[in-house]
Amino acid sequence: MKTKAVRLYGVDDLRLEEFELPPVGAEELLVKIVADSACMSTYKAVKQGSAHKRVPDNVHENPVIVGHEFCGEIVEVGQNLAGQYQPGQKFTMQPGMKGTMEAAGYSFPHLGGNMTHGIIPKCYFDQSCVLLYEGEGFFHGSLTEPLSCVIGATRANYHTRQGEYIHDMDIKEGGNMAILGGCGPMGFAHIDYILHRDRKPGLLVVTDVKQDNLDAAAAALTVANALENGIKLVYFNPASSPDPVGELMKLTHGRGYDDVFVFFPLAGLVEQADAILANDGCLNFFAGPADTAFSAKLNFYNVHYNATHVVGTNAGNIDDMKEALAMAAAGKINPAVLVSHVGGLDAVAETILNLPGIPGFKKLIYNEISMPLTAIKDFADKGEKCPFYKTLADICKQNNGLWSVEAEKYLLEHAPRL
C-alpha cells in the first residue's frame, strides 16, 4: 500500500513524499501512525544528516522517516505474530534498542513517527519494544516516549558513600535538586515527573532565562501542588541576578545540590551546574548538543576530593516507557500539559527546521490531516473566521486550556484530510 511520509535525505533536506510500502513480512506489523510529537532530537538529526550517530551514511540515496514519539493502530499482522497482536489494537513503542544506535525516526526507510502508515520490523519484537496501549487519546501514547527519556535520566543518576564503592542509583531522596534551563518541553516533562513520582527531592529549583517559560511552568506545575507532594519548589530566572550561582547556593543554605540536570547545551550552563554541586553531587547532562565538539570546564579538584561526578543518557528504555504509561493511566501525570501546538503532516518539515525558534512546549502532529502548526492559545483568534478552530478553542477552554481526548477526536473527524 502507499504511505505519505516526511523523509530525511541529508542536512536540512526534509521532503513530504508518497511512496509504496513493501509487503508485510511474517514477523512484522503494518501500522497506521496517528500522532507524533516533534522533538529537538529530530532537529539535531536534520542539522547533522549522515554525521548523526543514528542516521545511516547513505541517507542521501536511501532516505529515512523522521519522528520517534508516536502512537497508532495496528492494521495488518504478520503470520508469526498473529497470536500476539490483532488489527485494531493501539500501540506505542520504544524507538531505541539495546546494543545498537539504530532507532525509528532516524534509521529506517519504512518506520518513523511522521508517516501515515509504516512497517515495524522484526528487530523491535526481538527486544519487546512494541507496547500495546489501551488509553483513549493517541497523543497520550505519543508522549510516553519523551516521558520515558526523563524517567531514564532520573534513574541514571547515582550517589556513593565514602569508602564504599557502590552506586546508589537514582536521585537522592529528600535531597536538593536543580533543573537548569528546565522550562522547555523536556524540562517541563521532568518537573511533572519529579513532582509526582515516589522517590522525591526535598528541594527542587527550576531555572530558565525566558521568563514567559518560567511563568507558564509555574502556572501549570504549581508551588502549592509541589508542597502537597512534599517538595519545596522554586522557579528562578538567573538573568535576574548578578550572581546566579550565589543565589542558587543560598537556596540550599550553602550546601549545594545533590542532583543537577542540565537541559540546554550551553557551556556556561554546564559550568554553573558544576559550581553548585554538593559533596557527592551528580551532574546529569541531559541536553544532547548538535555540536560534536561541544565541551565545558569542570572542577576536577571537586571530582577528586568531593566525589562530584557526571552522567548522561540519550533515551529511555522499555521499563521507563511502562512507568510513563502506568503513571499516565493512574492520573499521576497529565501529558496534556506538555502540548502547546498542533498541526498536520504537511507542517512537519517547516516545524522541525524551525523548532528552536518556536515558543511553547510540545508540537503535536497528526499524520492524517492537513493543518498548519497552530498554538492552542491561538485557536480562539482563528475561530473568529473559522468554525473549525472555534470549536477546538471551545473544547480546549472546557479542559482548562489544555489539549484533550475530546479535542483530538474532533480534530481527527473534522480537519481537512492530507
Protein backbone atom coordinates (compact mmCIF):
# COMPACT_ATOMS: atom_id res chain seq x y z
CA MET A 1 0.00 0.00 0.00
CA LYS A 2 1.01 3.64 -0.37
CA THR A 3 2.06 5.87 2.51
CA LYS A 4 2.78 9.56 2.89
CA ALA A 5 5.81 10.43 4.97
CA VAL A 6 8.38 13.10 5.77
CA ARG A 7 11.75 11.72 4.72
CA LEU A 8 15.26 12.90 5.57
CA TYR A 9 17.78 12.95 2.69
CA GLY A 10 20.57 14.93 4.32
CA VAL A 11 21.37 18.15 6.15
CA ASP A 12 18.24 20.38 6.21
CA ASP A 13 16.69 18.20 3.49
CA LEU A 14 13.20 17.07 4.54
CA ARG A 15 10.62 16.07 1.95
CA LEU A 16 6.95 15.13 2.26
CA GLU A 17 6.50 12.30 -0.23
CA GLU A 18 4.18 9.46 -1.17
CA PHE A 19 5.63 6.04 -1.92
CA GLU A 20 4.80 2.33 -1.91
CA LEU A 21 5.47 0.20 1.17
CA PRO A 22 6.74 -3.38 0.68
CA PRO A 23 4.55 -6.37 1.65
CA VAL A 24 4.38 -7.11 5.38
CA GLY A 25 6.78 -9.86 6.48
CA ALA A 26 5.93 -12.80 8.72
CA GLU A 27 7.42 -11.06 11.78
CA GLU A 28 6.33 -7.50 11.00
CA LEU A 29 3.33 -5.25 11.59
CA LEU A 30 1.70 -2.81 9.20
CA VAL A 31 0.54 0.12 11.33
CA LYS A 32 -1.31 3.39 10.95
CA ILE A 33 0.64 6.09 12.77
CA VAL A 34 -1.86 8.62 14.07
CA ALA A 35 0.10 11.02 16.30
CA ASP A 36 3.72 12.05 16.77
CA SER A 37 5.24 14.83 18.84
CA ALA A 38 8.13 16.81 17.38
CA CYS A 39 11.41 16.56 19.28
CA MET A 40 14.61 18.60 19.36
CA SER A 41 16.47 15.33 18.79
CA THR A 42 14.93 15.22 15.32
CA TYR A 43 16.07 18.79 14.70
CA LYS A 44 19.63 17.74 15.61
CA ALA A 45 19.44 14.79 13.22
CA VAL A 46 18.24 17.08 10.43
CA LYS A 47 21.07 19.53 11.14
CA GLN A 48 23.71 16.77 11.12
CA GLY A 49 22.37 14.45 8.44
CA SER A 50 24.55 11.37 7.96
CA ALA A 51 27.02 12.69 10.56
CA HIS A 52 24.42 11.94 13.26
CA LYS A 53 25.14 8.71 15.13
CA ARG A 54 21.69 7.25 14.42
CA VAL A 55 21.38 8.32 10.74
CA PRO A 56 22.75 5.96 8.03
CA ASP A 57 25.73 7.11 5.95
CA ASN A 58 23.79 6.54 2.71
CA VAL A 59 20.71 8.55 3.72
CA HIS A 60 21.01 10.68 0.57
CA GLU A 61 20.32 7.54 -1.50
CA ASN A 62 18.07 5.70 0.96
CA PRO A 63 16.10 8.31 2.93
CA VAL A 64 14.73 7.61 6.41
CA ILE A 65 11.46 8.61 8.06
CA VAL A 66 11.71 11.21 10.83
CA GLY A 67 9.74 11.27 14.11
CA HIS A 68 10.15 8.90 17.05
CA GLU A 69 7.47 9.88 19.60
CA PHE A 70 4.46 8.18 18.08
CA CYS A 71 1.32 6.20 18.70
CA GLY A 72 -1.04 4.47 16.31
CA GLU A 73 -3.12 1.48 15.41
CA ILE A 74 -2.27 -1.96 14.06
CA VAL A 75 -3.59 -2.59 10.53
CA GLU A 76 -2.07 -5.93 9.48
CA VAL A 77 -0.27 -8.63 11.46
CA GLY A 78 2.49 -10.83 10.06
CA GLN A 79 1.65 -14.54 10.32
CA ASN A 80 4.26 -15.30 13.02
CA LEU A 81 2.88 -12.53 15.26
CA ALA A 82 -0.77 -13.48 14.90
CA GLY A 83 -1.06 -14.76 18.47
CA GLN A 84 0.38 -11.62 20.00
CA TYR A 85 -1.25 -8.76 18.08
CA GLN A 86 -4.56 -8.05 16.39
CA PRO A 87 -5.69 -5.46 13.84
CA GLY A 88 -7.35 -2.51 15.56
CA GLN A 89 -5.17 -2.57 18.68
CA LYS A 90 -3.46 0.68 19.65
CA PHE A 91 0.28 0.66 20.21
CA THR A 92 3.22 2.80 21.16
CA MET A 93 6.86 1.80 21.17
CA GLN A 94 10.34 2.43 22.49
CA PRO A 95 12.26 3.61 19.39
CA GLY A 96 15.73 2.95 20.81
CA MET A 97 17.05 -0.61 21.11
CA LYS A 98 19.76 -2.19 23.22
CA GLY A 99 23.12 -2.78 21.56
CA THR A 100 22.60 -0.51 18.56
CA MET A 101 22.22 3.16 17.70
CA GLU A 102 19.56 2.33 15.11
CA ALA A 103 16.15 3.77 16.01
CA ALA A 104 12.79 4.54 14.47
CA GLY A 105 12.71 8.16 13.39
CA TYR A 106 16.39 8.13 12.42
CA SER A 107 17.44 4.90 10.76
CA PHE A 108 14.59 3.12 8.96
CA PRO A 109 13.13 3.64 5.46
CA HIS A 110 9.67 2.30 6.39
CA LEU A 111 9.19 3.32 10.04
CA GLY A 112 9.02 6.70 11.74
CA GLY A 113 6.54 8.93 13.51
CA ASN A 114 5.86 11.30 10.62
CA MET A 115 4.07 9.00 8.20
CA THR A 116 0.53 7.81 7.65
CA HIS A 117 1.40 4.08 7.56
CA GLY A 118 4.58 2.21 8.35
CA ILE A 119 6.06 -1.23 8.93
CA ILE A 120 7.52 -2.23 12.30
CA PRO A 121 10.46 -4.61 11.58
CA LYS A 122 11.38 -7.84 13.35
CA CYS A 123 14.21 -6.31 15.42
CA TYR A 124 11.68 -4.42 17.57
CA PHE A 125 9.83 -7.60 18.51
CA ASP A 126 13.09 -9.35 19.34
CA GLN A 127 13.58 -6.74 22.09
CA SER A 128 9.90 -6.40 23.13
CA CYS A 129 9.89 -2.70 22.18
CA VAL A 130 6.29 -2.63 20.91
CA LEU A 131 3.79 -1.90 23.68
CA LEU A 132 0.04 -2.26 23.38
CA TYR A 133 -1.77 0.86 24.55
CA GLU A 134 -5.31 0.89 25.92
CA GLY A 135 -5.78 4.61 26.53
CA GLU A 136 -8.25 6.74 24.62
CA GLY A 137 -6.04 9.52 23.33
CA PHE A 138 -3.38 8.77 20.75
CA PHE A 139 -1.46 11.82 21.95
CA HIS A 140 -1.10 10.28 25.44
CA GLY A 141 0.64 7.29 23.87
CA SER A 142 2.80 9.55 21.72
CA LEU A 143 4.06 11.49 24.73
CA THR A 144 5.13 8.44 26.72
CA GLU A 145 8.40 8.35 24.76
CA PRO A 146 9.62 11.79 25.88
CA LEU A 147 8.43 11.00 29.39
CA SER A 148 10.45 7.78 29.29
CA CYS A 149 13.57 9.83 28.48
CA VAL A 150 13.30 11.92 31.65
CA ILE A 151 12.46 8.81 33.67
CA GLY A 152 15.59 7.10 32.34
CA ALA A 153 17.71 10.16 33.05
CA THR A 154 16.46 10.29 36.64
CA ARG A 155 17.22 6.63 37.19
CA ALA A 156 20.72 7.09 35.71
CA ASN A 157 21.80 9.48 38.47
CA TYR A 158 23.77 7.88 41.29
CA HIS A 159 25.34 8.55 44.68
CA THR A 160 28.07 6.91 46.74
CA ARG A 161 29.30 6.71 50.34
CA GLN A 162 32.90 7.41 51.26
CA GLY A 163 34.93 4.22 51.35
CA GLU A 164 32.14 2.12 49.78
CA TYR A 165 32.38 1.67 46.02
CA ILE A 166 28.69 1.04 45.47
CA HIS A 167 26.47 3.23 43.34
CA ASP A 168 23.06 4.04 44.81
CA MET A 169 21.12 4.64 41.62
CA ASP A 170 18.53 7.44 41.22
CA ILE A 171 18.31 10.93 42.70
CA LYS A 172 18.98 11.43 46.39
CA GLU A 173 15.75 11.05 48.35
CA GLY A 174 14.96 14.21 50.32
CA GLY A 175 17.98 15.96 48.79
CA ASN A 176 18.48 19.18 46.86
CA MET A 177 17.81 19.01 43.13
CA ALA A 178 18.07 21.59 40.34
CA ILE A 179 16.87 21.54 36.72
CA LEU A 180 18.81 24.18 34.77
CA GLY A 181 17.31 25.50 31.55
CA GLY A 182 14.30 23.50 32.66
CA CYS A 183 11.24 25.14 31.12
CA GLY A 184 11.41 23.77 27.60
CA PRO A 185 9.27 20.75 26.62
CA MET A 186 11.54 18.09 28.14
CA GLY A 187 12.30 20.11 31.26
CA PHE A 188 8.58 20.64 31.71
CA ALA A 189 8.05 16.86 31.47
CA HIS A 190 10.81 16.30 34.01
CA ILE A 191 9.29 18.70 36.55
CA ASP A 192 5.92 16.94 36.23
CA TYR A 193 7.55 13.55 36.71
CA ILE A 194 9.65 14.58 39.72
CA LEU A 195 6.65 16.14 41.49
CA HIS A 196 4.54 13.01 41.17
CA ARG A 197 6.90 10.03 41.47
CA ASP A 198 7.54 8.10 44.69
CA ARG A 199 11.21 9.00 45.27
CA LYS A 200 11.44 12.78 45.57
CA PRO A 201 13.89 15.54 46.48
CA GLY A 202 13.15 17.86 49.39
CA LEU A 203 14.03 20.95 47.32
CA LEU A 204 13.55 21.36 43.57
CA VAL A 205 14.86 24.52 41.90
CA VAL A 206 13.98 25.13 38.23
CA THR A 207 15.78 27.81 36.23
CA ASP A 208 15.20 29.39 32.83
CA VAL A 209 16.26 32.71 31.34
CA LYS A 210 12.96 33.01 29.46
CA GLN A 211 10.51 34.49 31.96
CA ASP A 212 7.48 33.52 29.84
CA ASN A 213 8.53 29.88 30.04
CA LEU A 214 9.04 30.12 33.79
CA ASP A 215 5.63 31.71 34.24
CA ALA A 216 3.96 29.03 32.10
CA ALA A 217 5.62 26.24 34.08
CA ALA A 218 4.73 27.86 37.40
CA ALA A 219 1.09 28.21 36.33
CA ALA A 220 0.75 24.55 35.30
CA LEU A 221 3.07 22.87 37.82
CA THR A 222 2.46 24.98 40.88
CA VAL A 223 4.47 25.57 44.03
CA ALA A 224 1.35 24.67 46.03
CA ASN A 225 0.95 21.32 44.26
CA ALA A 226 4.63 20.55 44.84
CA LEU A 227 4.23 21.29 48.55
CA GLU A 228 1.29 18.89 48.71
CA ASN A 229 3.69 16.27 47.35
CA GLY A 230 6.36 17.04 49.92
CA ILE A 231 8.64 19.19 47.74
CA LYS A 232 9.69 22.81 48.12
CA LEU A 233 9.60 24.08 44.51
CA VAL A 234 11.36 27.30 43.47
CA TYR A 235 11.31 28.87 40.00
CA PHE A 236 14.32 31.14 39.40
CA ASN A 237 15.43 33.30 36.47
CA PRO A 238 19.26 33.53 36.61
CA ALA A 239 19.15 36.56 34.30
CA SER A 240 17.52 38.49 37.15
CA SER A 241 20.59 38.20 39.39
CA PRO A 242 24.17 39.48 39.11
CA ASP A 243 25.29 36.34 40.97
CA PRO A 244 23.09 33.38 39.93
CA VAL A 245 25.43 30.77 41.43
CA GLY A 246 25.37 32.61 44.76
CA GLU A 247 21.56 32.83 44.67
CA LEU A 248 21.24 29.14 43.86
CA MET A 249 23.60 28.21 46.69
CA LYS A 250 21.65 30.43 49.12
CA LEU A 251 18.55 28.33 48.47
CA THR A 252 20.44 25.32 49.89
CA HIS A 253 21.94 27.29 52.80
CA GLY A 254 25.35 26.84 51.18
CA ARG A 255 25.29 23.03 51.00
CA GLY A 256 24.81 22.72 47.26
CA TYR A 257 22.78 20.35 45.11
CA ASP A 258 22.83 16.57 45.18
CA ASP A 259 21.36 16.27 41.68
CA VAL A 260 21.66 18.83 38.90
CA PHE A 261 20.13 18.29 35.46
CA VAL A 262 21.23 20.44 32.51
CA PHE A 263 18.56 20.78 29.84
CA PHE A 264 20.26 23.18 27.45
CA PRO A 265 23.62 22.58 25.71
CA LEU A 266 25.42 25.73 26.78
CA ALA A 267 28.95 25.58 28.20
CA GLY A 268 28.18 28.29 30.75
CA LEU A 269 25.19 26.35 32.00
CA VAL A 270 27.24 23.19 32.44
CA GLU A 271 29.84 25.18 34.37
CA GLN A 272 27.10 26.73 36.52
CA ALA A 273 25.82 23.23 37.27
CA ASP A 274 29.32 22.10 38.24
CA ALA A 275 29.71 25.11 40.54
CA ILE A 276 26.58 24.31 42.59
CA LEU A 277 27.19 20.59 43.16
CA ALA A 278 27.24 19.37 46.76
CA ASN A 279 29.63 16.72 48.02
CA ASP A 280 28.85 13.54 46.02
CA GLY A 281 26.73 15.68 43.70
CA CYS A 282 25.67 14.21 40.36
CA LEU A 283 25.56 16.40 37.23
CA ASN A 284 23.28 14.93 34.56
CA PHE A 285 23.90 16.41 31.11
CA PHE A 286 20.52 15.73 29.53
CA ALA A 287 20.72 18.17 26.61
CA GLY A 288 22.24 16.46 23.58
CA PRO A 289 24.34 19.04 21.66
CA ALA A 290 24.32 19.34 17.88
CA ASP A 291 27.99 20.36 18.01
CA THR A 292 30.16 17.22 18.08
CA ALA A 293 32.99 19.24 19.67
CA PHE A 294 30.85 20.65 22.50
CA SER A 295 32.81 20.90 25.74
CA ALA A 296 32.82 22.78 29.05
CA LYS A 297 35.14 23.23 32.04
CA LEU A 298 34.72 21.01 35.10
CA ASN A 299 36.33 21.38 38.51
CA PHE A 300 38.42 18.23 38.82
CA TYR A 301 39.58 19.17 42.32
CA ASN A 302 35.95 18.58 43.35
CA VAL A 303 35.81 15.38 41.33
CA HIS A 304 38.74 14.03 43.36
CA TYR A 305 38.01 15.42 46.83
CA ASN A 306 34.24 15.97 46.83
CA ALA A 307 33.26 12.94 44.69
CA THR A 308 31.30 15.07 42.21
CA HIS A 309 30.50 13.21 39.01
CA VAL A 310 28.79 13.43 35.60
CA VAL A 311 26.31 11.16 33.82
CA GLY A 312 24.24 11.41 30.67
CA THR A 313 21.57 9.45 28.84
CA ASN A 314 20.18 9.75 25.32
CA ALA A 315 16.91 7.77 25.61
CA GLY A 316 14.62 5.85 27.90
CA ASN A 317 14.11 2.09 27.82
CA ILE A 318 11.17 -0.30 27.92
CA ASP A 319 10.81 -0.14 31.71
CA ASP A 320 10.80 3.66 31.52
CA MET A 321 8.05 3.55 28.88
CA LYS A 322 5.99 1.21 31.04
CA GLU A 323 6.34 3.53 34.04
CA ALA A 324 5.25 6.51 31.92
CA LEU A 325 2.19 4.62 30.68
CA ALA A 326 1.31 3.47 34.21
CA MET A 327 1.64 6.97 35.70
CA ALA A 328 -0.48 8.49 32.93
CA ALA A 329 -3.14 5.78 33.34
CA ALA A 330 -3.21 6.38 37.11
CA GLY A 331 -3.60 10.13 36.62
CA LYS A 332 -0.33 10.88 38.40
CA ILE A 333 0.93 12.83 35.40
CA ASN A 334 -1.05 14.59 32.68
CA PRO A 335 0.71 14.55 29.29
CA ALA A 336 -1.72 17.21 28.04
CA VAL A 337 0.19 19.89 29.95
CA LEU A 338 3.10 19.35 27.55
CA VAL A 339 1.18 20.18 24.35
CA SER A 340 1.32 23.79 23.13
CA HIS A 341 0.86 23.40 19.34
CA VAL A 342 -0.99 21.10 16.95
CA GLY A 343 -0.50 20.56 13.22
CA GLY A 344 -0.74 18.12 10.32
CA LEU A 345 1.83 16.06 8.42
CA ASP A 346 2.24 18.89 5.90
CA ALA A 347 3.52 21.13 8.72
CA VAL A 348 6.31 18.78 9.83
CA ALA A 349 9.24 19.92 7.66
CA GLU A 350 8.81 23.61 8.48
CA THR A 351 8.21 22.81 12.15
CA ILE A 352 11.34 20.69 12.54
CA LEU A 353 13.59 23.10 10.64
CA ASN A 354 12.46 25.99 12.85
CA LEU A 355 11.90 24.11 16.11
CA PRO A 356 14.36 26.03 18.34
CA GLY A 357 12.64 29.32 17.49
CA ILE A 358 9.05 28.19 18.04
CA PRO A 359 7.87 29.11 21.55
CA GLY A 360 5.85 26.83 23.81
CA PHE A 361 6.22 23.17 24.63
CA LYS A 362 5.45 20.03 22.61
CA LYS A 363 4.36 20.34 18.98
CA LEU A 364 1.86 17.56 18.32
CA ILE A 365 1.47 16.26 14.76
CA TYR A 366 -1.49 14.31 13.38
CA ASN A 367 -0.45 12.46 10.24
CA GLU A 368 -3.87 12.01 8.62
CA ILE A 369 -4.67 15.71 8.36
CA SER A 370 -3.59 18.89 6.61
CA MET A 371 -3.14 21.74 9.10
CA PRO A 372 -0.52 24.43 9.72
CA LEU A 373 1.22 24.22 13.07
CA THR A 374 -1.06 26.24 15.35
CA ALA A 375 -0.67 27.25 19.00
CA ILE A 376 -3.59 26.16 21.18
CA LYS A 377 -3.73 29.68 22.59
CA ASP A 378 -4.37 30.98 19.03
CA PHE A 379 -7.40 28.77 18.35
CA ALA A 380 -9.82 31.42 19.64
CA ASP A 381 -8.45 34.15 17.35
CA LYS A 382 -8.56 31.83 14.34
CA GLY A 383 -12.05 30.79 15.41
CA GLU A 384 -13.38 34.29 14.68
CA LYS A 385 -13.16 33.44 10.97
CA CYS A 386 -13.20 29.62 11.00
CA PRO A 387 -15.81 27.45 12.80
CA PHE A 388 -13.35 24.53 12.94
CA TYR A 389 -10.92 26.48 15.13
CA LYS A 390 -13.76 27.98 17.18
CA THR A 391 -14.94 24.53 18.18
CA LEU A 392 -11.38 23.45 19.02
CA ALA A 393 -10.98 26.60 21.14
CA ASP A 394 -14.22 25.85 22.99
CA ILE A 395 -13.19 22.25 23.69
CA CYS A 396 -9.78 23.34 24.99
CA LYS A 397 -11.37 26.04 27.14
CA GLN A 398 -13.55 23.39 28.78
CA ASN A 399 -10.33 21.49 29.61
CA ASN A 400 -8.54 24.41 31.34
CA GLY A 401 -6.89 25.49 28.09
CA LEU A 402 -5.30 22.08 27.52
CA TRP A 403 -5.37 19.64 24.64
CA SER A 404 -7.61 16.66 25.36
CA VAL A 405 -9.07 13.41 24.07
CA GLU A 406 -12.21 15.35 23.08
CA ALA A 407 -10.14 17.84 21.07
CA GLU A 408 -8.23 15.01 19.39
CA LYS A 409 -11.43 13.22 18.38
CA TYR A 410 -12.92 16.39 16.94
CA LEU A 411 -9.71 17.16 15.04
CA LEU A 412 -9.49 13.68 13.51
CA GLU A 413 -13.14 13.80 12.44
CA HIS A 414 -13.30 17.35 11.07
CA ALA A 415 -9.85 18.53 9.98
CA PRO A 416 -9.05 18.56 6.23
CA ARG A 417 -7.58 15.27 5.02
CA LEU A 418 -3.99 15.31 3.82
